[in-house]
Every structure is written in structure tokens, then in C-alpha cells.
Amino acid sequence: MAIELTPFDAAAHITEADDLAELLADALATNDAHTIAGALGIVARARGMTKVERDTGMKRQALYRALGPEGNPTMETLLKVLPALGLKLSIEPAHA
């Protein structure tokens, strides 16, 4: 007997700011560009892609492409998307 599965979209379930920040922190810890881009895409969809589109001035299709699981956003895209999501980029020393 086959098991019936339904699609899961984390963006529909992760709505609290702390949860979104934890998702991104976990993604950053992987040091994998595709994982990070995918997590940013989840956060963007959770916040509302229409709002992100409006706030960044980028086309929705470009956002989905850059912030998808296979995405690789440019620094320019990140610098537009992060503020639109209410986030900021910061740098700290790596611990040895």
C-alpha cells in the first residue's frame, strides 16, 4: 500500500520573527549557498512575496529564482532583500 504524502511549505507555518531568525541562523551555519538561499526564500514567502517584490523593486520571478533551493543570490540581491525582510547583514570574527 502506497503512503499518500502532502506537500509541506515551511513558509505557511513559520511566522514568528524568532523562528524565522533561527531558520536563517541554522541555514548560515551550513555554509552552503543553496541552503541559505532556500531559507531566505522561505522567509520571503512567509513575510509575503508581494511585499518583498514591492520593497526591493525586483520582479517576483527573479526573487523566486534567486531565493529558491538552487538559487545563488548576488550581493546586490541580498542587500535589497534583507532590509525588505526586516533583517540586516553583520560580520563578526570567526572563532578558531
Protein backbone atom coordinates (compact mmCIF):
# COMPACT_ATOMS: atom_id res chain seq x y z
CA MET A 1 0.00 0.00 0.00
CA ALA A 2 1.42 3.40 -1.02
CA ILE A 3 1.70 6.17 1.51
CA GLU A 4 0.00 9.37 0.43
CA LEU A 5 2.08 12.47 1.12
CA THR A 6 1.02 16.09 1.02
CA PRO A 7 3.35 18.98 0.14
CA PHE A 8 4.83 20.89 3.07
CA ASP A 9 5.59 24.61 2.85
CA ALA A 10 7.53 25.88 5.85
CA ALA A 11 6.61 29.46 4.93
CA ALA A 12 3.00 28.74 5.87
CA HIS A 13 3.98 27.51 9.34
CA ILE A 14 6.94 29.63 10.42
CA THR A 15 5.56 33.07 11.12
CA GLU A 16 7.21 34.31 14.34
CA ALA A 17 10.24 36.58 13.90
CA ASP A 18 12.34 34.47 16.29
CA ASP A 19 11.54 31.30 14.34
CA LEU A 20 12.45 32.97 11.04
CA ALA A 21 15.73 34.21 12.53
CA GLU A 22 16.51 30.71 13.86
CA LEU A 23 15.81 29.18 10.44
CA LEU A 24 18.25 31.61 8.81
CA ALA A 25 20.87 31.10 11.54
CA ASP A 26 20.70 27.33 11.02
CA ALA A 27 20.98 27.80 7.25
CA LEU A 28 24.01 30.10 7.64
CA ALA A 29 25.67 27.51 9.88
CA THR A 30 25.72 25.07 6.96
CA ASN A 31 27.95 27.37 4.87
CA ASP A 32 26.00 26.13 1.84
CA ALA A 33 24.85 28.85 -0.57
CA HIS A 34 21.83 26.87 -1.79
CA THR A 35 20.63 26.12 1.74
CA ILE A 36 20.96 29.79 2.69
CA ALA A 37 19.18 30.95 -0.46
CA GLY A 38 16.39 28.45 0.14
CA ALA A 39 15.97 29.63 3.74
CA LEU A 40 15.82 33.25 2.56
CA GLY A 41 13.13 32.18 0.09
CA ILE A 42 11.10 30.60 2.90
CA VAL A 43 11.39 33.79 4.96
CA ALA A 44 10.44 35.93 1.94
CA ARG A 45 7.35 33.81 1.29
CA ALA A 46 6.44 33.88 4.99
CA ARG A 47 6.67 37.69 5.01
CA GLY A 48 4.80 37.97 1.70
CA MET A 49 6.47 37.86 -1.68
CA THR A 50 4.32 40.74 -2.96
CA LYS A 51 5.67 42.98 -0.20
CA VAL A 52 9.25 41.84 -0.86
CA GLU A 53 8.76 42.48 -4.58
CA ARG A 54 7.46 45.99 -3.88
CA ASP A 55 10.14 46.83 -1.28
CA THR A 56 13.07 45.59 -3.37
CA GLY A 57 11.90 46.77 -6.79
CA MET A 58 12.77 43.32 -8.12
CA LYS A 59 10.48 41.17 -10.22
CA ARG A 60 8.81 38.27 -8.43
CA GLN A 61 10.27 35.72 -10.86
CA ALA A 62 13.80 36.98 -10.18
CA LEU A 63 13.19 36.72 -6.45
CA TYR A 64 11.91 33.15 -6.72
CA ARG A 65 14.90 32.21 -8.87
CA ALA A 66 17.50 33.82 -6.59
CA LEU A 67 15.89 32.68 -3.34
CA GLY A 68 14.97 29.15 -4.33
CA PRO A 69 16.67 25.94 -3.20
CA GLU A 70 19.01 26.10 -6.19
CA GLY A 71 19.38 29.88 -6.01
CA ASN A 72 22.61 31.78 -5.68
CA PRO A 73 21.69 35.41 -4.94
CA THR A 74 24.17 38.13 -5.72
CA MET A 75 25.35 40.54 -3.05
CA GLU A 76 23.20 43.21 -4.72
CA THR A 77 20.14 40.99 -4.32
CA LEU A 78 20.96 40.27 -0.67
CA LEU A 79 21.41 43.97 0.06
CA LYS A 80 17.91 44.60 -1.34
CA VAL A 81 16.15 41.57 0.12
CA LEU A 82 17.47 41.60 3.69
CA PRO A 83 16.12 45.07 4.59
CA ALA A 84 12.82 44.18 2.90
CA LEU A 85 12.62 41.23 5.29
CA GLY A 86 13.44 43.40 8.29
CA LEU A 87 16.93 41.90 8.54
CA LYS A 88 20.45 43.25 8.40
CA LEU A 89 23.78 41.74 7.48
CA SER A 90 26.55 41.85 10.05
CA ILE A 91 30.05 40.44 10.25
CA GLU A 92 31.82 39.01 13.29
CA PRO A 93 35.16 37.32 13.77
CA ALA A 94 35.23 33.58 13.27
CA HIS A 95 36.17 31.66 16.38
CA ALA A 96 39.13 29.33 15.98
